[in-house]
Amino acid sequence: ILARKAALLERDGDVIDATTGSIDLSFPALPMGNYFVALR
């Protein structure tokens, strides 16, 4: 695991940033590249 973020799940399935409500989850410490993505 390189980076994690706790977020909120909406009724329609969207995962959103807990503070801003944005559907874009940013990982500023993680450079662009190829990664596996997991949802727990």
PDB file of all heavy atoms in Angstrom:
ATOM      1  N   ILE A   1       0.859  -1.187   0.000  1.00  0.00           N
ATOM      2  CA  ILE A   1       0.000   0.000   0.000  1.00  0.00           C
ATOM      3  C   ILE A   1       0.895   1.238   0.000  1.00  0.00           C
ATOM      4  O   ILE A   1       1.716   1.416   0.887  1.00  0.00           O
ATOM      5  CB  ILE A   1      -0.933   0.007   1.224  1.00  0.00           C
ATOM      6  CG1 ILE A   1      -1.831  -1.231   1.210  1.00  0.00           C
ATOM      7  CG2 ILE A   1      -1.762   1.291   1.265  1.00  0.00           C
ATOM      8  CD1 ILE A   1      -2.583  -1.471   2.508  1.00  0.00           C
ATOM      9  N   LEU A   2       0.707   2.096  -1.002  1.00  0.00           N
ATOM     10  CA  LEU A   2       1.516   3.309  -1.125  1.00  0.00           C
ATOM     11  C   LEU A   2       0.815   4.542  -0.565  1.00  0.00           C
ATOM     12  O   LEU A   2       1.470   5.468  -0.091  1.00  0.00           O
ATOM     13  CB  LEU A   2       1.876   3.544  -2.593  1.00  0.00           C
ATOM     14  CG  LEU A   2       2.658   2.413  -3.269  1.00  0.00           C
ATOM     15  CD1 LEU A   2       2.826   2.714  -4.753  1.00  0.00           C
ATOM     16  CD2 LEU A   2       3.999   2.212  -2.588  1.00  0.00           C
ATOM     17  N   ALA A   3      -0.512   4.558  -0.653  1.00  0.00           N
ATOM     18  CA  ALA A   3      -1.278   5.711  -0.157  1.00  0.00           C
ATOM     19  C   ALA A   3      -2.691   5.249   0.160  1.00  0.00           C
ATOM     20  O   ALA A   3      -3.213   4.335  -0.472  1.00  0.00           O
ATOM     21  CB  ALA A   3      -1.303   6.821  -1.197  1.00  0.00           C
ATOM     22  N   ARG A   4      -3.299   5.919   1.154  1.00  0.00           N
ATOM     23  CA  ARG A   4      -4.672   5.611   1.530  1.00  0.00           C
ATOM     24  C   ARG A   4      -5.413   6.898   1.842  1.00  0.00           C
ATOM     25  O   ARG A   4      -4.813   7.892   2.215  1.00  0.00           O
ATOM     26  CB  ARG A   4      -4.711   4.699   2.759  1.00  0.00           C
ATOM     27  CG  ARG A   4      -4.053   3.378   2.518  1.00  0.00           C
ATOM     28  CD  ARG A   4      -4.353   2.380   3.592  1.00  0.00           C
ATOM     29  NE  ARG A   4      -3.574   2.600   4.796  1.00  0.00           N
ATOM     30  CZ  ARG A   4      -3.612   1.824   5.862  1.00  0.00           C
ATOM     31  NH1 ARG A   4      -4.418   0.787   5.892  1.00  0.00           N
ATOM     32  NH2 ARG A   4      -2.880   2.071   6.909  1.00  0.00           N
ATOM     33  N   LYS A   5      -6.725   6.811   1.706  1.00  0.00           N
ATOM     34  CA  LYS A   5      -7.574   7.951   2.041  1.00  0.00           C
ATOM     35  C   LYS A   5      -8.928   7.416   2.489  1.00  0.00           C
ATOM     36  O   LYS A   5      -9.551   6.622   1.785  1.00  0.00           O
ATOM     37  CB  LYS A   5      -7.756   8.858   0.827  1.00  0.00           C
ATOM     38  CG  LYS A   5      -8.656  10.058   1.094  1.00  0.00           C
ATOM     39  CD  LYS A   5      -8.811  10.948  -0.140  1.00  0.00           C
ATOM     40  CE  LYS A   5      -7.556  11.700  -0.369  1.00  0.00           C
ATOM     41  NZ  LYS A   5      -7.591  13.119  -0.132  1.00  0.00           N
ATOM     42  N   ALA A   6      -9.361   7.847   3.670  1.00  0.00           N
ATOM     43  CA  ALA A   6     -10.717   7.542   4.118  1.00  0.00           C
ATOM     44  C   ALA A   6     -11.646   8.527   3.420  1.00  0.00           C
ATOM     45  O   ALA A   6     -11.352   9.718   3.325  1.00  0.00           O
ATOM     46  CB  ALA A   6     -10.824   7.666   5.632  1.00  0.00           C
ATOM     47  N   ALA A   7     -12.741   8.003   2.907  1.00  0.00           N
ATOM     48  CA  ALA A   7     -13.676   8.827   2.143  1.00  0.00           C
ATOM     49  C   ALA A   7     -15.097   8.383   2.486  1.00  0.00           C
ATOM     50  O   ALA A   7     -15.292   7.451   3.283  1.00  0.00           O
ATOM     51  CB  ALA A   7     -13.394   8.670   0.646  1.00  0.00           C
ATOM     52  N   LEU A   8     -16.056   9.037   1.889  1.00  0.00           N
ATOM     53  CA  LEU A   8     -17.456   8.718   2.151  1.00  0.00           C
ATOM     54  C   LEU A   8     -18.095   8.086   0.927  1.00  0.00           C
ATOM     55  O   LEU A   8     -17.798   8.473  -0.206  1.00  0.00           O
ATOM     56  CB  LEU A   8     -18.229   9.986   2.529  1.00  0.00           C
ATOM     57  CG  LEU A   8     -17.762  10.689   3.798  1.00  0.00           C
ATOM     58  CD1 LEU A   8     -18.475  12.025   3.962  1.00  0.00           C
ATOM     59  CD2 LEU A   8     -17.991   9.806   5.016  1.00  0.00           C
ATOM     60  N   LEU A   9     -18.970   7.125   1.161  1.00  0.00           N
ATOM     61  CA  LEU A   9     -19.699   6.451   0.095  1.00  0.00           C
ATOM     62  C   LEU A   9     -21.120   6.984   0.066  1.00  0.00           C
ATOM     63  O   LEU A   9     -21.782   7.043   1.104  1.00  0.00           O
ATOM     64  CB  LEU A   9     -19.690   4.941   0.364  1.00  0.00           C
ATOM     65  CG  LEU A   9     -20.369   4.048  -0.658  1.00  0.00           C
ATOM     66  CD1 LEU A   9     -19.662   4.131  -2.011  1.00  0.00           C
ATOM     67  CD2 LEU A   9     -20.381   2.607  -0.152  1.00  0.00           C
ATOM     68  N   GLU A  10     -21.583   7.366  -1.110  1.00  0.00           N
ATOM     69  CA  GLU A  10     -22.948   7.872  -1.286  1.00  0.00           C
ATOM     70  C   GLU A  10     -23.877   6.751  -1.738  1.00  0.00           C
ATOM     71  O   GLU A  10     -23.435   5.727  -2.258  1.00  0.00           O
ATOM     72  CB  GLU A  10     -22.973   9.002  -2.309  1.00  0.00           C
ATOM     73  CG  GLU A  10     -22.220  10.233  -1.867  1.00  0.00           C
ATOM     74  CD  GLU A  10     -22.238  11.342  -2.899  1.00  0.00           C
ATOM     75  OE1 GLU A  10     -22.389  11.061  -4.114  1.00  0.00           O
ATOM     76  OE2 GLU A  10     -22.107  12.505  -2.495  1.00  0.00           O
ATOM     77  N   ARG A  11     -25.176   6.961  -1.603  1.00  0.00           N
ATOM     78  CA  ARG A  11     -26.186   5.954  -1.948  1.00  0.00           C
ATOM     79  C   ARG A  11     -26.048   5.444  -3.378  1.00  0.00           C
ATOM     80  O   ARG A  11     -26.298   4.282  -3.660  1.00  0.00           O
ATOM     81  CB  ARG A  11     -27.597   6.521  -1.758  1.00  0.00           C
ATOM     82  CG  ARG A  11     -27.965   6.753  -0.314  1.00  0.00           C
ATOM     83  CD  ARG A  11     -29.405   7.206  -0.167  1.00  0.00           C
ATOM     84  NE  ARG A  11     -30.288   6.117  -0.589  1.00  0.00           N
ATOM     85  CZ  ARG A  11     -31.466   6.316  -1.175  1.00  0.00           C
ATOM     86  NH1 ARG A  11     -31.904   7.522  -1.429  1.00  0.00           N
ATOM     87  NH2 ARG A  11     -32.219   5.290  -1.520  1.00  0.00           N
ATOM     88  N   ASP A  12     -25.651   6.312  -4.306  1.00  0.00           N
ATOM     89  CA  ASP A  12     -25.535   5.917  -5.713  1.00  0.00           C
ATOM     90  C   ASP A  12     -24.203   5.257  -6.044  1.00  0.00           C
ATOM     91  O   ASP A  12     -23.951   4.892  -7.186  1.00  0.00           O
ATOM     92  CB  ASP A  12     -25.782   7.110  -6.629  1.00  0.00           C
ATOM     93  CG  ASP A  12     -24.791   8.244  -6.434  1.00  0.00           C
ATOM     94  OD1 ASP A  12     -23.829   8.105  -5.641  1.00  0.00           O
ATOM     95  OD2 ASP A  12     -24.972   9.285  -7.089  1.00  0.00           O
ATOM     96  N   GLY A  13     -23.312   5.120  -5.050  1.00  0.00           N
ATOM     97  CA  GLY A  13     -22.045   4.442  -5.261  1.00  0.00           C
ATOM     98  C   GLY A  13     -20.840   5.350  -5.408  1.00  0.00           C
ATOM     99  O   GLY A  13     -19.704   4.873  -5.421  1.00  0.00           O
ATOM    100  N   ASP A  14     -21.053   6.654  -5.519  1.00  0.00           N
ATOM    101  CA  ASP A  14     -19.920   7.573  -5.628  1.00  0.00           C
ATOM    102  C   ASP A  14     -19.145   7.606  -4.316  1.00  0.00           C
ATOM    103  O   ASP A  14     -19.732   7.652  -3.239  1.00  0.00           O
ATOM    104  CB  ASP A  14     -20.383   8.999  -5.946  1.00  0.00           C
ATOM    105  CG  ASP A  14     -20.935   9.149  -7.343  1.00  0.00           C
ATOM    106  OD1 ASP A  14     -20.559   8.351  -8.220  1.00  0.00           O
ATOM    107  OD2 ASP A  14     -21.757  10.068  -7.562  1.00  0.00           O
ATOM    108  N   VAL A  15     -17.824   7.597  -4.423  1.00  0.00           N
ATOM    109  CA  VAL A  15     -16.946   7.779  -3.265  1.00  0.00           C
ATOM    110  C   VAL A  15     -16.479   9.227  -3.314  1.00  0.00           C
ATOM    111  O   VAL A  15     -15.971   9.682  -4.341  1.00  0.00           O
ATOM    112  CB  VAL A  15     -15.749   6.808  -3.316  1.00  0.00           C
ATOM    113  CG1 VAL A  15     -14.797   7.076  -2.164  1.00  0.00           C
ATOM    114  CG2 VAL A  15     -16.245   5.363  -3.277  1.00  0.00           C
ATOM    115  N   ILE A  16     -16.677   9.963  -2.214  1.00  0.00           N
ATOM    116  CA  ILE A  16     -16.365  11.394  -2.204  1.00  0.00           C
ATOM    117  C   ILE A  16     -15.383  11.744  -1.093  1.00  0.00           C
ATOM    118  O   ILE A  16     -15.310  11.060  -0.077  1.00  0.00           O
ATOM    119  CB  ILE A  16     -17.644  12.252  -2.066  1.00  0.00           C
ATOM    120  CG1 ILE A  16     -18.351  11.974  -0.726  1.00  0.00           C
ATOM    121  CG2 ILE A  16     -18.585  12.035  -3.247  1.00  0.00           C
ATOM    122  CD1 ILE A  16     -19.445  12.969  -0.378  1.00  0.00           C
ATOM    123  N   ASP A  17     -14.668  12.832  -1.310  1.00  0.00           N
ATOM    124  CA  ASP A  17     -13.785  13.381  -0.285  1.00  0.00           C
ATOM    125  C   ASP A  17     -14.647  13.797   0.902  1.00  0.00           C
ATOM    126  O   ASP A  17     -15.642  14.505   0.736  1.00  0.00           O
ATOM    127  CB  ASP A  17     -13.023  14.579  -0.864  1.00  0.00           C
ATOM    128  CG  ASP A  17     -12.027  15.147   0.119  1.00  0.00           C
ATOM    129  OD1 ASP A  17     -12.464  15.863   1.052  1.00  0.00           O
ATOM    130  OD2 ASP A  17     -10.826  14.909  -0.061  1.00  0.00           O
ATOM    131  N   ALA A  18     -14.287  13.358   2.098  1.00  0.00           N
ATOM    132  CA  ALA A  18     -15.104  13.603   3.290  1.00  0.00           C
ATOM    133  C   ALA A  18     -15.243  15.076   3.633  1.00  0.00           C
ATOM    134  O   ALA A  18     -16.264  15.505   4.158  1.00  0.00           O
ATOM    135  CB  ALA A  18     -14.522  12.850   4.486  1.00  0.00           C
ATOM    136  N   THR A  19     -14.227  15.864   3.335  1.00  0.00           N
ATOM    137  CA  THR A  19     -14.259  17.283   3.680  1.00  0.00           C
ATOM    138  C   THR A  19     -14.920  18.125   2.598  1.00  0.00           C
ATOM    139  O   THR A  19     -15.807  18.925   2.876  1.00  0.00           O
ATOM    140  CB  THR A  19     -12.828  17.808   3.930  1.00  0.00           C
ATOM    141  OG1 THR A  19     -12.235  17.017   4.956  1.00  0.00           O
ATOM    142  CG2 THR A  19     -12.843  19.260   4.371  1.00  0.00           C
ATOM    143  N   THR A  20     -14.514  17.918   1.353  1.00  0.00           N
ATOM    144  CA  THR A  20     -14.967  18.795   0.261  1.00  0.00           C
ATOM    145  C   THR A  20     -16.195  18.288  -0.471  1.00  0.00           C
ATOM    146  O   THR A  20     -16.887  19.051  -1.120  1.00  0.00           O
ATOM    147  CB  THR A  20     -13.848  18.973  -0.777  1.00  0.00           C
ATOM    148  OG1 THR A  20     -13.617  17.709  -1.430  1.00  0.00           O
ATOM    149  CG2 THR A  20     -12.571  19.493  -0.141  1.00  0.00           C
ATOM    150  N   GLY A  21     -16.438  16.968  -0.410  1.00  0.00           N
ATOM    151  CA  GLY A  21     -17.548  16.389  -1.159  1.00  0.00           C
ATOM    152  C   GLY A  21     -17.212  16.136  -2.622  1.00  0.00           C
ATOM    153  O   GLY A  21     -18.067  15.698  -3.393  1.00  0.00           O
ATOM    154  N   SER A  22     -15.981  16.360  -3.018  1.00  0.00           N
ATOM    155  CA  SER A  22     -15.565  16.157  -4.408  1.00  0.00           C
ATOM    156  C   SER A  22     -15.465  14.669  -4.730  1.00  0.00           C
ATOM    157  O   SER A  22     -15.038  13.874  -3.895  1.00  0.00           O
ATOM    158  CB  SER A  22     -14.209  16.817  -4.650  1.00  0.00           C
ATOM    159  OG  SER A  22     -13.733  16.499  -5.949  1.00  0.00           O
ATOM    160  N   ILE A  23     -15.813  14.303  -5.960  1.00  0.00           N
ATOM    161  CA  ILE A  23     -15.640  12.920  -6.409  1.00  0.00           C
ATOM    162  C   ILE A  23     -14.200  12.648  -6.831  1.00  0.00           C
ATOM    163  O   ILE A  23     -13.824  11.500  -7.053  1.00  0.00           O
ATOM    164  CB  ILE A  23     -16.611  12.549  -7.554  1.00  0.00           C
ATOM    165  CG1 ILE A  23     -16.411  13.456  -8.765  1.00  0.00           C
ATOM    166  CG2 ILE A  23     -18.037  12.542  -7.069  1.00  0.00           C
ATOM    167  CD1 ILE A  23     -17.209  13.058  -9.991  1.00  0.00           C
ATOM    168  N   ASP A  24     -13.398  13.688  -6.940  1.00  0.00           N
ATOM    169  CA  ASP A  24     -11.983  13.553  -7.281  1.00  0.00           C
ATOM    170  C   ASP A  24     -11.180  13.349  -6.001  1.00  0.00           C
ATOM    171  O   ASP A  24     -11.096  14.247  -5.166  1.00  0.00           O
ATOM    172  CB  ASP A  24     -11.466  14.782  -8.020  1.00  0.00           C
ATOM    173  CG  ASP A  24     -12.127  14.973  -9.372  1.00  0.00           C
ATOM    174  OD1 ASP A  24     -12.663  13.983  -9.927  1.00  0.00           O
ATOM    175  OD2 ASP A  24     -12.111  16.101  -9.885  1.00  0.00           O
ATOM    176  N   LEU A  25     -10.605  12.150  -5.840  1.00  0.00           N
ATOM    177  CA  LEU A  25      -9.795  11.846  -4.666  1.00  0.00           C
ATOM    178  C   LEU A  25      -8.330  12.058  -5.037  1.00  0.00           C
ATOM    179  O   LEU A  25      -7.789  11.341  -5.873  1.00  0.00           O
ATOM    180  CB  LEU A  25     -10.033  10.414  -4.214  1.00  0.00           C
ATOM    181  CG  LEU A  25     -11.489  10.052  -3.881  1.00  0.00           C
ATOM    182  CD1 LEU A  25     -11.595   8.584  -3.510  1.00  0.00           C
ATOM    183  CD2 LEU A  25     -12.029  10.938  -2.783  1.00  0.00           C
ATOM    184  N   SER A  26      -7.716  13.053  -4.418  1.00  0.00           N
ATOM    185  CA  SER A  26      -6.334  13.421  -4.736  1.00  0.00           C
ATOM    186  C   SER A  26      -5.365  12.780  -3.762  1.00  0.00           C
ATOM    187  O   SER A  26      -5.626  12.705  -2.567  1.00  0.00           O
ATOM    188  CB  SER A  26      -6.173  14.942  -4.671  1.00  0.00           C
ATOM    189  OG  SER A  26      -7.027  15.555  -5.598  1.00  0.00           O
ATOM    190  N   PHE A  27      -4.230  12.353  -4.312  1.00  0.00           N
ATOM    191  CA  PHE A  27      -3.148  11.783  -3.518  1.00  0.00           C
ATOM    192  C   PHE A  27      -1.879  12.579  -3.830  1.00  0.00           C
ATOM    193  O   PHE A  27      -1.039  12.144  -4.622  1.00  0.00           O
ATOM    194  CB  PHE A  27      -2.970  10.293  -3.844  1.00  0.00           C
ATOM    195  CG  PHE A  27      -4.151   9.470  -3.421  1.00  0.00           C
ATOM    196  CD1 PHE A  27      -5.237   9.286  -4.269  1.00  0.00           C
ATOM    197  CD2 PHE A  27      -4.188   8.902  -2.162  1.00  0.00           C
ATOM    198  CE1 PHE A  27      -6.328   8.542  -3.869  1.00  0.00           C
ATOM    199  CE2 PHE A  27      -5.282   8.146  -1.749  1.00  0.00           C
ATOM    200  CZ  PHE A  27      -6.354   7.966  -2.608  1.00  0.00           C
ATOM    201  N   PRO A  28      -1.728  13.784  -3.231  1.00  0.00           N
ATOM    202  CA  PRO A  28      -0.632  14.692  -3.565  1.00  0.00           C
ATOM    203  C   PRO A  28       0.765  14.122  -3.338  1.00  0.00           C
ATOM    204  O   PRO A  28       1.703  14.531  -4.004  1.00  0.00           O
ATOM    205  CB  PRO A  28      -0.866  15.898  -2.660  1.00  0.00           C
ATOM    206  CG  PRO A  28      -2.303  15.832  -2.288  1.00  0.00           C
ATOM    207  CD  PRO A  28      -2.654  14.381  -2.268  1.00  0.00           C
ATOM    208  N   ALA A  29       0.917  13.164  -2.433  1.00  0.00           N
ATOM    209  CA  ALA A  29       2.243  12.598  -2.174  1.00  0.00           C
ATOM    210  C   ALA A  29       2.581  11.475  -3.152  1.00  0.00           C
ATOM    211  O   ALA A  29       3.674  10.927  -3.112  1.00  0.00           O
ATOM    212  CB  ALA A  29       2.316  12.072  -0.746  1.00  0.00           C
ATOM    213  N   LEU A  30       1.656  11.156  -4.041  1.00  0.00           N
ATOM    214  CA  LEU A  30       1.835  10.042  -4.960  1.00  0.00           C
ATOM    215  C   LEU A  30       1.982  10.556  -6.391  1.00  0.00           C
ATOM    216  O   LEU A  30       1.060  11.151  -6.927  1.00  0.00           O
ATOM    217  CB  LEU A  30       0.620   9.116  -4.865  1.00  0.00           C
ATOM    218  CG  LEU A  30       0.738   7.727  -5.412  1.00  0.00           C
ATOM    219  CD1 LEU A  30       1.760   6.920  -4.619  1.00  0.00           C
ATOM    220  CD2 LEU A  30      -0.606   7.039  -5.352  1.00  0.00           C
ATOM    221  N   PRO A  31       3.135  10.352  -7.020  1.00  0.00           N
ATOM    222  CA  PRO A  31       3.322  10.838  -8.380  1.00  0.00           C
ATOM    223  C   PRO A  31       2.425  10.092  -9.366  1.00  0.00           C
ATOM    224  O   PRO A  31       2.016   8.957  -9.103  1.00  0.00           O
ATOM    225  CB  PRO A  31       4.797  10.566  -8.672  1.00  0.00           C
ATOM    226  CG  PRO A  31       5.178   9.474  -7.737  1.00  0.00           C
ATOM    227  CD  PRO A  31       4.310   9.631  -6.522  1.00  0.00           C
ATOM    228  N   MET A  32       2.123  10.746 -10.468  1.00  0.00           N
ATOM    229  CA  MET A  32       1.326  10.073 -11.482  1.00  0.00           C
ATOM    230  C   MET A  32       2.055   8.812 -11.934  1.00  0.00           C
ATOM    231  O   MET A  32       3.283   8.739 -11.908  1.00  0.00           O
ATOM    232  CB  MET A  32       1.033  11.005 -12.654  1.00  0.00           C
ATOM    233  CG  MET A  32       2.249  11.596 -13.327  1.00  0.00           C
ATOM    234  SD  MET A  32       1.821  12.893 -14.515  1.00  0.00           S
ATOM    235  CE  MET A  32       1.265  11.946 -15.894  1.00  0.00           C
ATOM    236  N   GLY A  33       1.273   7.779 -12.276  1.00  0.00           N
ATOM    237  CA  GLY A  33       1.853   6.505 -12.682  1.00  0.00           C
ATOM    238  C   GLY A  33       0.799   5.425 -12.669  1.00  0.00           C
ATOM    239  O   GLY A  33      -0.399   5.709 -12.579  1.00  0.00           O
ATOM    240  N   ASN A  34       1.228   4.182 -12.747  1.00  0.00           N
ATOM    241  CA  ASN A  34       0.316   3.037 -12.758  1.00  0.00           C
ATOM    242  C   ASN A  34       0.243   2.428 -11.369  1.00  0.00           C
ATOM    243  O   ASN A  34       1.279   2.163 -10.753  1.00  0.00           O
ATOM    244  CB  ASN A  34       0.781   1.992 -13.773  1.00  0.00           C
ATOM    245  CG  ASN A  34       0.717   2.535 -15.182  1.00  0.00           C
ATOM    246  OD1 ASN A  34      -0.138   3.338 -15.513  1.00  0.00           O
ATOM    247  ND2 ASN A  34       1.633   2.096 -16.015  1.00  0.00           N
ATOM    248  N   TYR A  35      -0.993   2.176 -10.918  1.00  0.00           N
ATOM    249  CA  TYR A  35      -1.219   1.656  -9.567  1.00  0.00           C
ATOM    250  C   TYR A  35      -2.455   0.758  -9.551  1.00  0.00           C
ATOM    251  O   TYR A  35      -3.388   0.957 -10.320  1.00  0.00           O
ATOM    252  CB  TYR A  35      -1.474   2.800  -8.574  1.00  0.00           C
ATOM    253  CG  TYR A  35      -0.364   3.805  -8.509  1.00  0.00           C
ATOM    254  CD1 TYR A  35      -0.441   5.007  -9.204  1.00  0.00           C
ATOM    255  CD2 TYR A  35       0.771   3.570  -7.740  1.00  0.00           C
ATOM    256  CE1 TYR A  35       0.575   5.943  -9.147  1.00  0.00           C
ATOM    257  CE2 TYR A  35       1.794   4.501  -7.662  1.00  0.00           C
ATOM    258  CZ  TYR A  35       1.688   5.678  -8.375  1.00  0.00           C
ATOM    259  OH  TYR A  35       2.708   6.604  -8.308  1.00  0.00           O
ATOM    260  N   PHE A  36      -2.453  -0.195  -8.623  1.00  0.00           N
ATOM    261  CA  PHE A  36      -3.673  -0.923  -8.312  1.00  0.00           C
ATOM    262  C   PHE A  36      -4.515  -0.011  -7.425  1.00  0.00           C
ATOM    263  O   PHE A  36      -3.979   0.732  -6.609  1.00  0.00           O
ATOM    264  CB  PHE A  36      -3.373  -2.222  -7.550  1.00  0.00           C
ATOM    265  CG  PHE A  36      -2.808  -3.312  -8.415  1.00  0.00           C
ATOM    266  CD1 PHE A  36      -1.442  -3.474  -8.545  1.00  0.00           C
ATOM    267  CD2 PHE A  36      -3.657  -4.189  -9.086  1.00  0.00           C
ATOM    268  CE1 PHE A  36      -0.921  -4.478  -9.327  1.00  0.00           C
ATOM    269  CE2 PHE A  36      -3.141  -5.199  -9.877  1.00  0.00           C
ATOM    270  CZ  PHE A  36      -1.771  -5.347 -10.003  1.00  0.00           C
ATOM    271  N   VAL A  37      -5.841  -0.080  -7.572  1.00  0.00           N
ATOM    272  CA  VAL A  37      -6.752   0.709  -6.748  1.00  0.00           C
ATOM    273  C   VAL A  37      -7.652  -0.264  -5.991  1.00  0.00           C
ATOM    274  O   VAL A  37      -8.238  -1.173  -6.588  1.00  0.00           O
ATOM    275  CB  VAL A  37      -7.601   1.668  -7.602  1.00  0.00           C
ATOM    276  CG1 VAL A  37      -8.600   2.441  -6.731  1.00  0.00           C
ATOM    277  CG2 VAL A  37      -6.709   2.630  -8.385  1.00  0.00           C
ATOM    278  N   ALA A  38      -7.737  -0.087  -4.669  1.00  0.00           N
ATOM    279  CA  ALA A  38      -8.570  -0.957  -3.837  1.00  0.00           C
ATOM    280  C   ALA A  38      -9.596  -0.123  -3.081  1.00  0.00           C
ATOM    281  O   ALA A  38      -9.352   1.042  -2.739  1.00  0.00           O
ATOM    282  CB  ALA A  38      -7.698  -1.726  -2.846  1.00  0.00           C
ATOM    283  N   LEU A  39     -10.750  -0.735  -2.837  1.00  0.00           N
ATOM    284  CA  LEU A  39     -11.816  -0.110  -2.054  1.00  0.00           C
ATOM    285  C   LEU A  39     -12.149  -1.068  -0.923  1.00  0.00           C
ATOM    286  O   LEU A  39     -12.435  -2.244  -1.153  1.00  0.00           O
ATOM    287  CB  LEU A  39     -13.050   0.137  -2.924  1.00  0.00           C
ATOM    288  CG  LEU A  39     -14.258   0.756  -2.231  1.00  0.00           C
ATOM    289  CD1 LEU A  39     -13.936   2.168  -1.728  1.00  0.00           C
ATOM    290  CD2 LEU A  39     -15.451   0.801  -3.189  1.00  0.00           C
ATOM    291  N   ARG A  40     -12.111  -0.544   0.314  1.00  0.00           N
ATOM    292  CA  ARG A  40     -12.371  -1.373   1.490  1.00  0.00           C
ATOM    293  C   ARG A  40     -13.455  -0.750   2.356  1.00  0.00           C
ATOM    294  O   ARG A  40     -13.614   0.463   2.384  1.00  0.00           O
ATOM    295  CB  ARG A  40     -11.081  -1.550   2.297  1.00  0.00           C
ATOM    296  CG  ARG A  40      -9.995  -2.242   1.467  1.00  0.00           C
ATOM    297  CD  ARG A  40      -8.723  -2.406   2.205  1.00  0.00           C
ATOM    298  NE  ARG A  40      -8.873  -3.430   3.242  1.00  0.00           N
ATOM    299  CZ  ARG A  40      -7.946  -3.672   4.163  1.00  0.00           C
ATOM    300  NH1 ARG A  40      -6.825  -2.988   4.197  1.00  0.00           N
ATOM    301  NH2 ARG A  40      -8.136  -4.606   5.061  1.00  0.00           N
TER     302      ARG A  40
END
